[in-house]
Amino acid sequence: EGAGGKVALPKHAIMGIAWQGYFTDTEGNTFGIHQPDKNAK
């Protein structure tokens, strides 16, 4: 956020599968990240 982007949907767990979050960059593009983690709760 310090560089101008925004959090569209904060990091959250997909139980037992992964962590996921969505963000918006300075040009208005929304993108997501997905981090596999069997221990996500």
C-alpha atoms as a PDB file:
ATOM      1  CA  GLU A   1       0.000   0.000   0.000  1.00  0.00           C
ATOM      2  CA  GLY A   2       2.936   2.280   0.578  1.00  0.00           C
ATOM      3  CA  ALA A   3       3.718   2.141  -3.150  1.00  0.00           C
ATOM      4  CA  GLY A   4       0.151   3.023  -4.189  1.00  0.00           C
ATOM      5  CA  GLY A   5      -1.490  -0.396  -4.513  1.00  0.00           C
ATOM      6  CA  LYS A   6      -4.468  -1.526  -2.427  1.00  0.00           C
ATOM      7  CA  VAL A   7      -5.613  -4.694  -0.715  1.00  0.00           C
ATOM      8  CA  ALA A   8      -8.802  -5.840  -2.467  1.00  0.00           C
ATOM      9  CA  LEU A   9      -9.296  -8.944  -0.289  1.00  0.00           C
ATOM     10  CA  PRO A  10      -6.861  -9.568   2.581  1.00  0.00           C
ATOM     11  CA  LYS A  11      -4.848 -12.763   2.910  1.00  0.00           C
ATOM     12  CA  HIS A  12      -7.139 -15.576   4.014  1.00  0.00           C
ATOM     13  CA  ALA A  13      -6.942 -19.328   4.464  1.00  0.00           C
ATOM     14  CA  ILE A  14      -8.480 -21.882   2.182  1.00  0.00           C
ATOM     15  CA  MET A  15      -8.592 -24.461   4.959  1.00  0.00           C
ATOM     16  CA  GLY A  16      -6.061 -27.240   4.529  1.00  0.00           C
ATOM     17  CA  ILE A  17      -5.112 -26.083   1.036  1.00  0.00           C
ATOM     18  CA  ALA A  18      -3.510 -22.630   0.785  1.00  0.00           C
ATOM     19  CA  TRP A  19      -3.377 -18.947   1.634  1.00  0.00           C
ATOM     20  CA  GLN A  20      -4.861 -16.508  -0.855  1.00  0.00           C
ATOM     21  CA  GLY A  21      -5.271 -12.752  -1.245  1.00  0.00           C
ATOM     22  CA  TYR A  22      -6.251 -10.209  -3.899  1.00  0.00           C
ATOM     23  CA  PHE A  23      -4.721  -6.828  -4.587  1.00  0.00           C
ATOM     24  CA  THR A  24      -5.142  -3.846  -6.914  1.00  0.00           C
ATOM     25  CA  ASP A  25      -2.091  -2.200  -8.456  1.00  0.00           C
ATOM     26  CA  THR A  26      -1.608   1.502  -9.198  1.00  0.00           C
ATOM     27  CA  GLU A  27      -3.181   1.095 -12.666  1.00  0.00           C
ATOM     28  CA  GLY A  28      -6.361  -0.503 -11.328  1.00  0.00           C
ATOM     29  CA  ASN A  29      -5.487  -4.098 -12.232  1.00  0.00           C
ATOM     30  CA  THR A  30      -6.660  -6.686  -9.706  1.00  0.00           C
ATOM     31  CA  PHE A  31      -4.553  -9.793  -9.209  1.00  0.00           C
ATOM     32  CA  GLY A  32      -4.357 -12.614  -6.710  1.00  0.00           C
ATOM     33  CA  ILE A  33      -1.670 -14.579  -4.976  1.00  0.00           C
ATOM     34  CA  HIS A  34      -1.910 -18.224  -3.946  1.00  0.00           C
ATOM     35  CA  GLN A  35       0.500 -19.909  -1.526  1.00  0.00           C
ATOM     36  CA  PRO A  36      -0.023 -23.669  -1.089  1.00  0.00           C
ATOM     37  CA  ASP A  37       0.001 -24.693   2.588  1.00  0.00           C
ATOM     38  CA  LYS A  38      -1.618 -27.897   3.892  1.00  0.00           C
ATOM     39  CA  ASN A  39      -1.634 -26.308   7.372  1.00  0.00           C
ATOM     40  CA  ALA A  40      -3.619 -23.173   6.406  1.00  0.00           C
ATOM     41  CA  LYS A  41      -6.368 -22.499   8.967  1.00  0.00           C
END
